[in-house]
Amino acid sequence: WVPCRTHVSTVVKRRHEAGLAEVVAELGKAAAVAVTTDCWTSKGVRSYSTYTVHFLDSEWTLKSFVLATRTMDERHTAANLSDHALAIAAEFSITTKVVAIVHD
């Protein structure tokens, strides 16, 4: 049996939504988070940036989640990177929890 495109799309969307809810719940319990970012250019000459959040849970276990990978059409200046990071922090309601952002 080979699933059709719509079935695969539905399953992937449901799993994404479940995983996203889990990440949001974990972030809600975090007291403070650090964010790492990385930018790169694809073979198709498209620029991207990825934002990963890191924190210790109540058991002192390190947790890390990729929050977003987005295209970045503007120059990779500090101001533009900051704008992207702040927008993603706001999207995940962690703006007041970010204690460090590291970019390569």
PDB file of N, CA and C in Angstrom:
ATOM      1  N   TRP A   1       0.842  -1.172   0.000  1.00  0.00           N
ATOM      2  CA  TRP A   1       0.000   0.000   0.000  1.00  0.00           C
ATOM      3  C   TRP A   1       0.888   1.236   0.000  1.00  0.00           C
ATOM      4  N   VAL A   2       0.615   2.124  -0.925  1.00  0.00           N
ATOM      5  CA  VAL A   2       1.346   3.383  -1.017  1.00  0.00           C
ATOM      6  C   VAL A   2       0.349   4.500  -0.723  1.00  0.00           C
ATOM      7  N   PRO A   3       0.600   5.272   0.347  1.00  0.00           N
ATOM      8  CA  PRO A   3      -0.349   6.334   0.703  1.00  0.00           C
ATOM      9  C   PRO A   3      -0.332   7.459  -0.336  1.00  0.00           C
ATOM     10  N   CYS A   4      -1.459   8.094  -0.486  1.00  0.00           N
ATOM     11  CA  CYS A   4      -1.539   9.213  -1.428  1.00  0.00           C
ATOM     12  C   CYS A   4      -0.953  10.480  -0.794  1.00  0.00           C
ATOM     13  N   ARG A   5      -0.716  11.467  -1.608  1.00  0.00           N
ATOM     14  CA  ARG A   5      -0.098  12.711  -1.174  1.00  0.00           C
ATOM     15  C   ARG A   5      -0.899  13.391  -0.062  1.00  0.00           C
ATOM     16  N   THR A   6      -2.215  13.415  -0.187  1.00  0.00           N
ATOM     17  CA  THR A   6      -3.029  14.101   0.820  1.00  0.00           C
ATOM     18  C   THR A   6      -2.964  13.393   2.168  1.00  0.00           C
ATOM     19  N   HIS A   7      -2.901  12.064   2.155  1.00  0.00           N
ATOM     20  CA  HIS A   7      -2.786  11.324   3.409  1.00  0.00           C
ATOM     21  C   HIS A   7      -1.458  11.638   4.102  1.00  0.00           C
ATOM     22  N   VAL A   8      -0.379  11.597   3.322  1.00  0.00           N
ATOM     23  CA  VAL A   8       0.943  11.899   3.876  1.00  0.00           C
ATOM     24  C   VAL A   8       0.960  13.325   4.425  1.00  0.00           C
ATOM     25  N   SER A   9       0.408  14.271   3.693  1.00  0.00           N
ATOM     26  CA  SER A   9       0.356  15.671   4.146  1.00  0.00           C
ATOM     27  C   SER A   9      -0.408  15.798   5.457  1.00  0.00           C
ATOM     28  N   THR A  10      -1.518  15.103   5.565  1.00  0.00           N
ATOM     29  CA  THR A  10      -2.332  15.156   6.781  1.00  0.00           C
ATOM     30  C   THR A  10      -1.569  14.586   7.972  1.00  0.00           C
ATOM     31  N   VAL A  11      -0.914  13.450   7.776  1.00  0.00           N
ATOM     32  CA  VAL A  11      -0.160  12.816   8.859  1.00  0.00           C
ATOM     33  C   VAL A  11       1.000  13.710   9.295  1.00  0.00           C
ATOM     34  N   VAL A  12       1.728  14.273   8.344  1.00  0.00           N
ATOM     35  CA  VAL A  12       2.854  15.146   8.672  1.00  0.00           C
ATOM     36  C   VAL A  12       2.362  16.387   9.424  1.00  0.00           C
ATOM     37  N   LYS A  13       1.272  16.976   8.981  1.00  0.00           N
ATOM     38  CA  LYS A  13       0.731  18.163   9.655  1.00  0.00           C
ATOM     39  C   LYS A  13       0.327  17.842  11.093  1.00  0.00           C
ATOM     40  N   ARG A  14      -0.331  16.718  11.311  1.00  0.00           N
ATOM     41  CA  ARG A  14      -0.736  16.323  12.672  1.00  0.00           C
ATOM     42  C   ARG A  14       0.473  16.111  13.572  1.00  0.00           C
ATOM     43  N   ARG A  15       1.483  15.446  13.056  1.00  0.00           N
ATOM     44  CA  ARG A  15       2.696  15.206  13.863  1.00  0.00           C
ATOM     45  C   ARG A  15       3.406  16.516  14.164  1.00  0.00           C
ATOM     46  N   HIS A  16       3.443  17.411  13.200  1.00  0.00           N
ATOM     47  CA  HIS A  16       4.064  18.722  13.429  1.00  0.00           C
ATOM     48  C   HIS A  16       3.323  19.475  14.518  1.00  0.00           C
ATOM     49  N   GLU A  17       1.998  19.505  14.450  1.00  0.00           N
ATOM     50  CA  GLU A  17       1.195  20.211  15.446  1.00  0.00           C
ATOM     51  C   GLU A  17       1.379  19.609  16.839  1.00  0.00           C
ATOM     52  N   ALA A  18       1.451  18.283  16.936  1.00  0.00           N
ATOM     53  CA  ALA A  18       1.665  17.626  18.231  1.00  0.00           C
ATOM     54  C   ALA A  18       3.045  17.959  18.776  1.00  0.00           C
ATOM     55  N   GLY A  19       4.055  17.901  17.921  1.00  0.00           N
ATOM     56  CA  GLY A  19       5.412  18.237  18.344  1.00  0.00           C
ATOM     57  C   GLY A  19       5.534  19.692  18.741  1.00  0.00           C
ATOM     58  N   LEU A  20       4.898  20.573  18.000  1.00  0.00           N
ATOM     59  CA  LEU A  20       4.918  22.000  18.322  1.00  0.00           C
ATOM     60  C   LEU A  20       4.270  22.261  19.679  1.00  0.00           C
ATOM     61  N   ALA A  21       3.161  21.607  19.948  1.00  0.00           N
ATOM     62  CA  ALA A  21       2.490  21.770  21.241  1.00  0.00           C
ATOM     63  C   ALA A  21       3.394  21.315  22.379  1.00  0.00           C
ATOM     64  N   GLU A  22       4.145  20.237  22.165  1.00  0.00           N
ATOM     65  CA  GLU A  22       5.069  19.734  23.178  1.00  0.00           C
ATOM     66  C   GLU A  22       6.206  20.732  23.428  1.00  0.00           C
ATOM     67  N   VAL A  23       6.737  21.299  22.357  1.00  0.00           N
ATOM     68  CA  VAL A  23       7.811  22.287  22.489  1.00  0.00           C
ATOM     69  C   VAL A  23       7.310  23.527  23.223  1.00  0.00           C
ATOM     70  N   VAL A  24       6.149  24.010  22.859  1.00  0.00           N
ATOM     71  CA  VAL A  24       5.580  25.196  23.515  1.00  0.00           C
ATOM     72  C   VAL A  24       5.352  24.928  25.005  1.00  0.00           C
ATOM     73  N   ALA A  25       4.868  23.746  25.334  1.00  0.00           N
ATOM     74  CA  ALA A  25       4.650  23.390  26.744  1.00  0.00           C
ATOM     75  C   ALA A  25       5.973  23.354  27.501  1.00  0.00           C
ATOM     76  N   GLU A  26       7.006  22.764  26.910  1.00  0.00           N
ATOM     77  CA  GLU A  26       8.329  22.713  27.551  1.00  0.00           C
ATOM     78  C   GLU A  26       8.889  24.122  27.740  1.00  0.00           C
ATOM     79  N   LEU A  27       8.765  24.959  26.721  1.00  0.00           N
ATOM     80  CA  LEU A  27       9.271  26.326  26.817  1.00  0.00           C
ATOM     81  C   LEU A  27       8.524  27.122  27.883  1.00  0.00           C
ATOM     82  N   GLY A  28       7.256  26.825  28.061  1.00  0.00           N
ATOM     83  CA  GLY A  28       6.464  27.513  29.085  1.00  0.00           C
ATOM     84  C   GLY A  28       6.983  27.246  30.486  1.00  0.00           C
ATOM     85  N   LYS A  29       7.603  26.096  30.690  1.00  0.00           N
ATOM     86  CA  LYS A  29       8.135  25.739  32.011  1.00  0.00           C
ATOM     87  C   LYS A  29       9.565  26.234  32.219  1.00  0.00           C
ATOM     88  N   ALA A  30      10.247  26.638  31.156  1.00  0.00           N
ATOM     89  CA  ALA A  30      11.645  27.067  31.259  1.00  0.00           C
ATOM     90  C   ALA A  30      11.747  28.427  31.928  1.00  0.00           C
ATOM     91  N   ALA A  31      12.708  28.560  32.833  1.00  0.00           N
ATOM     92  CA  ALA A  31      12.936  29.844  33.501  1.00  0.00           C
ATOM     93  C   ALA A  31      13.763  30.773  32.632  1.00  0.00           C
ATOM     94  N   ALA A  32      14.717  30.223  31.908  1.00  0.00           N
ATOM     95  CA  ALA A  32      15.604  31.003  31.053  1.00  0.00           C
ATOM     96  C   ALA A  32      16.052  30.123  29.896  1.00  0.00           C
ATOM     97  N   VAL A  33      16.310  30.752  28.743  1.00  0.00           N
ATOM     98  CA  VAL A  33      16.740  30.007  27.570  1.00  0.00           C
ATOM     99  C   VAL A  33      17.894  30.725  26.886  1.00  0.00           C
ATOM    100  N   ALA A  34      18.682  29.965  26.154  1.00  0.00           N
ATOM    101  CA  ALA A  34      19.713  30.514  25.283  1.00  0.00           C
ATOM    102  C   ALA A  34      19.349  30.110  23.852  1.00  0.00           C
ATOM    103  N   VAL A  35      19.699  30.960  22.918  1.00  0.00           N
ATOM    104  CA  VAL A  35      19.380  30.705  21.514  1.00  0.00           C
ATOM    105  C   VAL A  35      20.671  30.690  20.708  1.00  0.00           C
ATOM    106  N   THR A  36      20.791  29.698  19.822  1.00  0.00           N
ATOM    107  CA  THR A  36      21.902  29.688  18.871  1.00  0.00           C
ATOM    108  C   THR A  36      21.310  29.840  17.478  1.00  0.00           C
ATOM    109  N   THR A  37      22.058  30.519  16.619  1.00  0.00           N
ATOM    110  CA  THR A  37      21.604  30.726  15.245  1.00  0.00           C
ATOM    111  C   THR A  37      22.707  30.333  14.280  1.00  0.00           C
ATOM    112  N   ASP A  38      22.293  29.982  13.082  1.00  0.00           N
ATOM    113  CA  ASP A  38      23.248  29.688  12.026  1.00  0.00           C
ATOM    114  C   ASP A  38      22.620  30.102  10.709  1.00  0.00           C
ATOM    115  N   CYS A  39      23.410  30.688   9.848  1.00  0.00           N
ATOM    116  CA  CYS A  39      22.954  31.080   8.518  1.00  0.00           C
ATOM    117  C   CYS A  39      23.768  30.351   7.476  1.00  0.00           C
ATOM    118  N   TRP A  40      23.137  30.030   6.366  1.00  0.00           N
ATOM    119  CA  TRP A  40      23.844  29.375   5.281  1.00  0.00           C
ATOM    120  C   TRP A  40      23.128  29.668   3.973  1.00  0.00           C
ATOM    121  N   THR A  41      23.800  29.320   2.878  1.00  0.00           N
ATOM    122  CA  THR A  41      23.240  29.501   1.545  1.00  0.00           C
ATOM    123  C   THR A  41      23.130  28.133   0.883  1.00  0.00           C
ATOM    124  N   SER A  42      21.975  27.855   0.315  1.00  0.00           N
ATOM    125  CA  SER A  42      21.745  26.573  -0.342  1.00  0.00           C
ATOM    126  C   SER A  42      22.478  26.516  -1.689  1.00  0.00           C
ATOM    127  N   LYS A  43      22.506  25.336  -2.263  1.00  0.00           N
ATOM    128  CA  LYS A  43      23.101  25.193  -3.594  1.00  0.00           C
ATOM    129  C   LYS A  43      22.349  26.030  -4.622  1.00  0.00           C
ATOM    130  N   GLY A  44      21.072  26.266  -4.352  1.00  0.00           N
ATOM    131  CA  GLY A  44      20.255  27.100  -5.227  1.00  0.00           C
ATOM    132  C   GLY A  44      20.417  28.579  -4.930  1.00  0.00           C
ATOM    133  N   VAL A  45      21.419  28.929  -4.139  1.00  0.00           N
ATOM    134  CA  VAL A  45      21.766  30.308  -3.769  1.00  0.00           C
ATOM    135  C   VAL A  45      20.605  30.989  -3.036  1.00  0.00           C
ATOM    136  N   ARG A  46      19.965  30.244  -2.164  1.00  0.00           N
ATOM    137  CA  ARG A  46      18.917  30.786  -1.296  1.00  0.00           C
ATOM    138  C   ARG A  46      19.488  30.838   0.113  1.00  0.00           C
ATOM    139  N   SER A  47      19.324  31.957   0.792  1.00  0.00           N
ATOM    140  CA  SER A  47      19.888  32.133   2.121  1.00  0.00           C
ATOM    141  C   SER A  47      18.868  31.744   3.193  1.00  0.00           C
ATOM    142  N   TYR A  48      19.337  31.032   4.236  1.00  0.00           N
ATOM    143  CA  TYR A  48      18.475  30.561   5.325  1.00  0.00           C
ATOM    144  C   TYR A  48      19.121  30.858   6.673  1.00  0.00           C
ATOM    145  N   SER A  49      18.285  30.930   7.695  1.00  0.00           N
ATOM    146  CA  SER A  49      18.779  31.014   9.069  1.00  0.00           C
ATOM    147  C   SER A  49      17.947  30.061   9.926  1.00  0.00           C
ATOM    148  N   THR A  50      18.626  29.396  10.865  1.00  0.00           N
ATOM    149  CA  THR A  50      17.969  28.464  11.781  1.00  0.00           C
ATOM    150  C   THR A  50      18.184  28.944  13.202  1.00  0.00           C
ATOM    151  N   TYR A  51      17.157  28.809  14.034  1.00  0.00           N
ATOM    152  CA  TYR A  51      17.181  29.252  15.425  1.00  0.00           C
ATOM    153  C   TYR A  51      16.877  28.062  16.320  1.00  0.00           C
ATOM    154  N   THR A  52      17.813  27.759  17.219  1.00  0.00           N
ATOM    155  CA  THR A  52      17.676  26.632  18.142  1.00  0.00           C
ATOM    156  C   THR A  52      17.682  27.169  19.566  1.00  0.00           C
ATOM    157  N   VAL A  53      16.770  26.679  20.385  1.00  0.00           N
ATOM    158  CA  VAL A  53      16.680  27.116  21.779  1.00  0.00           C
ATOM    159  C   VAL A  53      17.229  26.011  22.680  1.00  0.00           C
ATOM    160  N   HIS A  54      17.914  26.417  23.753  1.00  0.00           N
ATOM    161  CA  HIS A  54      18.516  25.481  24.712  1.00  0.00           C
ATOM    162  C   HIS A  54      18.161  25.935  26.123  1.00  0.00           C
ATOM    163  N   PHE A  55      17.850  24.972  26.988  1.00  0.00           N
ATOM    164  CA  PHE A  55      17.557  25.295  28.383  1.00  0.00           C
ATOM    165  C   PHE A  55      17.659  24.045  29.245  1.00  0.00           C
ATOM    166  N   LEU A  56      17.734  24.243  30.539  1.00  0.00           N
ATOM    167  CA  LEU A  56      17.736  23.133  31.496  1.00  0.00           C
ATOM    168  C   LEU A  56      16.334  22.986  32.065  1.00  0.00           C
ATOM    169  N   ASP A  57      15.834  21.762  32.096  1.00  0.00           N
ATOM    170  CA  ASP A  57      14.510  21.550  32.685  1.00  0.00           C
ATOM    171  C   ASP A  57      14.627  21.426  34.207  1.00  0.00           C
ATOM    172  N   SER A  58      13.528  21.123  34.864  1.00  0.00           N
ATOM    173  CA  SER A  58      13.509  21.067  36.331  1.00  0.00           C
ATOM    174  C   SER A  58      14.393  19.951  36.889  1.00  0.00           C
ATOM    175  N   GLU A  59      14.743  18.978  36.047  1.00  0.00           N
ATOM    176  CA  GLU A  59      15.627  17.883  36.450  1.00  0.00           C
ATOM    177  C   GLU A  59      17.077  18.158  36.055  1.00  0.00           C
ATOM    178  N   TRP A  60      17.355  19.356  35.581  1.00  0.00           N
ATOM    179  CA  TRP A  60      18.678  19.774  35.111  1.00  0.00           C
ATOM    180  C   TRP A  60      19.124  18.985  33.883  1.00  0.00           C
ATOM    181  N   THR A  61      18.152  18.601  33.066  1.00  0.00           N
ATOM    182  CA  THR A  61      18.443  17.932  31.805  1.00  0.00           C
ATOM    183  C   THR A  61      18.443  18.979  30.698  1.00  0.00           C
ATOM    184  N   LEU A  62      19.496  18.979  29.882  1.00  0.00           N
ATOM    185  CA  LEU A  62      19.576  19.925  28.779  1.00  0.00           C
ATOM    186  C   LEU A  62      18.539  19.573  27.724  1.00  0.00           C
ATOM    187  N   LYS A  63      17.752  20.552  27.342  1.00  0.00           N
ATOM    188  CA  LYS A  63      16.755  20.397  26.278  1.00  0.00           C
ATOM    189  C   LYS A  63      17.127  21.361  25.159  1.00  0.00           C
ATOM    190  N   SER A  64      17.002  20.907  23.929  1.00  0.00           N
ATOM    191  CA  SER A  64      17.260  21.750  22.754  1.00  0.00           C
ATOM    192  C   SER A  64      16.189  21.474  21.710  1.00  0.00           C
ATOM    193  N   PHE A  65      15.677  22.541  21.128  1.00  0.00           N
ATOM    194  CA  PHE A  65      14.661  22.416  20.084  1.00  0.00           C
ATOM    195  C   PHE A  65      14.962  23.405  18.972  1.00  0.00           C
ATOM    196  N   VAL A  66      14.856  22.957  17.737  1.00  0.00           N
ATOM    197  CA  VAL A  66      14.934  23.875  16.611  1.00  0.00           C
ATOM    198  C   VAL A  66      13.574  24.572  16.531  1.00  0.00           C
ATOM    199  N   LEU A  67      13.583  25.883  16.690  1.00  0.00           N
ATOM    200  CA  LEU A  67      12.331  26.635  16.657  1.00  0.00           C
ATOM    201  C   LEU A  67      11.916  26.984  15.240  1.00  0.00           C
ATOM    202  N   ALA A  68      12.888  27.305  14.395  1.00  0.00           N
ATOM    203  CA  ALA A  68      12.527  27.739  13.045  1.00  0.00           C
ATOM    204  C   ALA A  68      13.731  27.703  12.121  1.00  0.00           C
ATOM    205  N   THR A  69      13.442  27.448  10.874  1.00  0.00           N
ATOM    206  CA  THR A  69      14.385  27.670   9.776  1.00  0.00           C
ATOM    207  C   THR A  69      13.636  28.525   8.777  1.00  0.00           C
ATOM    208  N   ARG A  70      14.180  29.687   8.504  1.00  0.00           N
ATOM    209  CA  ARG A  70      13.500  30.654   7.644  1.00  0.00           C
ATOM    210  C   ARG A  70      14.432  31.156   6.555  1.00  0.00           C
ATOM    211  N   THR A  71      13.835  31.556   5.444  1.00  0.00           N
ATOM    212  CA  THR A  71      14.644  32.211   4.420  1.00  0.00           C
ATOM    213  C   THR A  71      15.046  33.581   4.953  1.00  0.00           C
ATOM    214  N   MET A  72      16.198  34.019   4.523  1.00  0.00           N
ATOM    215  CA  MET A  72      16.690  35.330   4.952  1.00  0.00           C
ATOM    216  C   MET A  72      17.207  36.053   3.720  1.00  0.00           C
ATOM    217  N   ASP A  73      16.331  36.838   3.111  1.00  0.00           N
ATOM    218  CA  ASP A  73      16.664  37.502   1.863  1.00  0.00           C
ATOM    219  C   ASP A  73      17.513  38.754   2.066  1.00  0.00           C
ATOM    220  N   GLU A  74      17.436  39.337   3.272  1.00  0.00           N
ATOM    221  CA  GLU A  74      18.236  40.529   3.528  1.00  0.00           C
ATOM    222  C   GLU A  74      19.660  40.158   3.937  1.00  0.00           C
ATOM    223  N   ARG A  75      20.524  41.161   3.991  1.00  0.00           N
ATOM    224  CA  ARG A  75      21.911  40.928   4.390  1.00  0.00           C
ATOM    225  C   ARG A  75      21.968  40.387   5.815  1.00  0.00           C
ATOM    226  N   HIS A  76      23.012  39.621   6.123  1.00  0.00           N
ATOM    227  CA  HIS A  76      23.169  39.007   7.447  1.00  0.00           C
ATOM    228  C   HIS A  76      23.850  39.981   8.403  1.00  0.00           C
ATOM    229  N   THR A  77      23.254  41.132   8.594  1.00  0.00           N
ATOM    230  CA  THR A  77      23.803  42.121   9.520  1.00  0.00           C
ATOM    231  C   THR A  77      23.310  41.821  10.929  1.00  0.00           C
ATOM    232  N   ALA A  78      23.967  42.410  11.912  1.00  0.00           N
ATOM    233  CA  ALA A  78      23.552  42.209  13.309  1.00  0.00           C
ATOM    234  C   ALA A  78      22.106  42.665  13.504  1.00  0.00           C
ATOM    235  N   ALA A  79      21.739  43.767  12.910  1.00  0.00           N
ATOM    236  CA  ALA A  79      20.370  44.292  13.068  1.00  0.00           C
ATOM    237  C   ALA A  79      19.342  43.335  12.465  1.00  0.00           C
ATOM    238  N   ASN A  80      19.617  42.818  11.266  1.00  0.00           N
ATOM    239  CA  ASN A  80      18.672  41.893  10.636  1.00  0.00           C
ATOM    240  C   ASN A  80      18.577  40.574  11.385  1.00  0.00           C
ATOM    241  N   LEU A  81      19.714  40.049  11.831  1.00  0.00           N
ATOM    242  CA  LEU A  81      19.708  38.811  12.620  1.00  0.00           C
ATOM    243  C   LEU A  81      18.948  39.008  13.927  1.00  0.00           C
ATOM    244  N   SER A  82      19.150  40.159  14.546  1.00  0.00           N
ATOM    245  CA  SER A  82      18.445  40.477  15.788  1.00  0.00           C
ATOM    246  C   SER A  82      16.939  40.551  15.554  1.00  0.00           C
ATOM    247  N   ASP A  83      16.533  41.200  14.478  1.00  0.00           N
ATOM    248  CA  ASP A  83      15.103  41.297  14.160  1.00  0.00           C
ATOM    249  C   ASP A  83      14.485  39.913  13.981  1.00  0.00           C
ATOM    250  N   HIS A  84      15.168  39.032  13.267  1.00  0.00           N
ATOM    251  CA  HIS A  84      14.659  37.671  13.065  1.00  0.00           C
ATOM    252  C   HIS A  84      14.574  36.928  14.404  1.00  0.00           C
ATOM    253  N   ALA A  85      15.619  37.014  15.206  1.00  0.00           N
ATOM    254  CA  ALA A  85      15.642  36.311  16.493  1.00  0.00           C
ATOM    255  C   ALA A  85      14.528  36.807  17.412  1.00  0.00           C
ATOM    256  N   LEU A  86      14.331  38.120  17.466  1.00  0.00           N
ATOM    257  CA  LEU A  86      13.273  38.681  18.320  1.00  0.00           C
ATOM    258  C   LEU A  86      11.886  38.266  17.838  1.00  0.00           C
ATOM    259  N   ALA A  87      11.692  38.221  16.530  1.00  0.00           N
ATOM    260  CA  ALA A  87      10.389  37.804  15.995  1.00  0.00           C
ATOM    261  C   ALA A  87      10.092  36.350  16.360  1.00  0.00           C
ATOM    262  N   ILE A  88      11.087  35.498  16.261  1.00  0.00           N
ATOM    263  CA  ILE A  88      10.889  34.080  16.602  1.00  0.00           C
ATOM    264  C   ILE A  88      10.689  33.918  18.108  1.00  0.00           C
ATOM    265  N   ALA A  89      11.439  34.676  18.905  1.00  0.00           N
ATOM    266  CA  ALA A  89      11.244  34.636  20.361  1.00  0.00           C
ATOM    267  C   ALA A  89       9.820  35.050  20.716  1.00  0.00           C
ATOM    268  N   ALA A  90       9.317  36.076  20.062  1.00  0.00           N
ATOM    269  CA  ALA A  90       7.942  36.531  20.319  1.00  0.00           C
ATOM    270  C   ALA A  90       6.936  35.462  19.888  1.00  0.00           C
ATOM    271  N   GLU A  91       7.200  34.837  18.758  1.00  0.00           N
ATOM    272  CA  GLU A  91       6.307  33.792  18.245  1.00  0.00           C
ATOM    273  C   GLU A  91       6.159  32.643  19.236  1.00  0.00           C
ATOM    274  N   PHE A  92       7.233  32.340  19.975  1.00  0.00           N
ATOM    275  CA  PHE A  92       7.213  31.241  20.938  1.00  0.00           C
ATOM    276  C   PHE A  92       7.065  31.731  22.385  1.00  0.00           C
ATOM    277  N   SER A  93       6.761  33.012  22.557  1.00  0.00           N
ATOM    278  CA  SER A  93       6.526  33.612  23.883  1.00  0.00           C
ATOM    279  C   SER A  93       7.696  33.414  24.846  1.00  0.00           C
ATOM    280  N   ILE A  94       8.910  33.594  24.345  1.00  0.00           N
ATOM    281  CA  ILE A  94      10.099  33.432  25.194  1.00  0.00           C
ATOM    282  C   ILE A  94      10.941  34.707  25.253  1.00  0.00           C
ATOM    283  N   THR A  95      10.406  35.803  24.759  1.00  0.00           N
ATOM    284  CA  THR A  95      11.171  37.055  24.687  1.00  0.00           C
ATOM    285  C   THR A  95      11.802  37.423  26.021  1.00  0.00           C
ATOM    286  N   THR A  96      11.066  37.284  27.103  1.00  0.00           N
ATOM    287  CA  THR A  96      11.588  37.664  28.424  1.00  0.00           C
ATOM    288  C   THR A  96      12.470  36.588  29.045  1.00  0.00           C
ATOM    289  N   LYS A  97      12.547  35.420  28.405  1.00  0.00           N
ATOM    290  CA  LYS A  97      13.345  34.317  28.958  1.00  0.00           C
ATOM    291  C   LYS A  97      14.721  34.189  28.312  1.00  0.00           C
ATOM    292  N   VAL A  98      14.951  34.875  27.208  1.00  0.00           N
ATOM    293  CA  VAL A  98      16.225  34.759  26.485  1.00  0.00           C
ATOM    294  C   VAL A  98      17.315  35.474  27.256  1.00  0.00           C
ATOM    295  N   VAL A  99      18.350  34.724  27.656  1.00  0.00           N
ATOM    296  CA  VAL A  99      19.471  35.315  28.388  1.00  0.00           C
ATOM    297  C   VAL A  99      20.729  35.410  27.543  1.00  0.00           C
ATOM    298  N   ALA A 100      20.745  34.695  26.398  1.00  0.00           N
ATOM    299  CA  ALA A 100      21.902  34.756  25.498  1.00  0.00           C
ATOM    300  C   ALA A 100      21.496  34.321  24.105  1.00  0.00           C
ATOM    301  N   ILE A 101      22.118  34.979  23.122  1.00  0.00           N
ATOM    302  CA  ILE A 101      21.961  34.567  21.725  1.00  0.00           C
ATOM    303  C   ILE A 101      23.365  34.478  21.146  1.00  0.00           C
ATOM    304  N   VAL A 102      23.672  33.325  20.541  1.00  0.00           N
ATOM    305  CA  VAL A 102      24.995  33.112  19.954  1.00  0.00           C
ATOM    306  C   VAL A 102      24.838  32.848  18.467  1.00  0.00           C
ATOM    307  N   HIS A 103      25.605  33.589  17.666  1.00  0.00           N
ATOM    308  CA  HIS A 103      25.602  33.412  16.229  1.00  0.00           C
ATOM    309  C   HIS A 103      27.029  33.172  15.751  1.00  0.00           C
ATOM    310  N   ASP A 104      27.187  32.252  14.818  1.00  0.00           N
ATOM    311  CA  ASP A 104      28.541  31.961  14.329  1.00  0.00           C
ATOM    312  C   ASP A 104      29.048  33.017  13.376  1.00  0.00           C
TER     313      ASP A 104
END
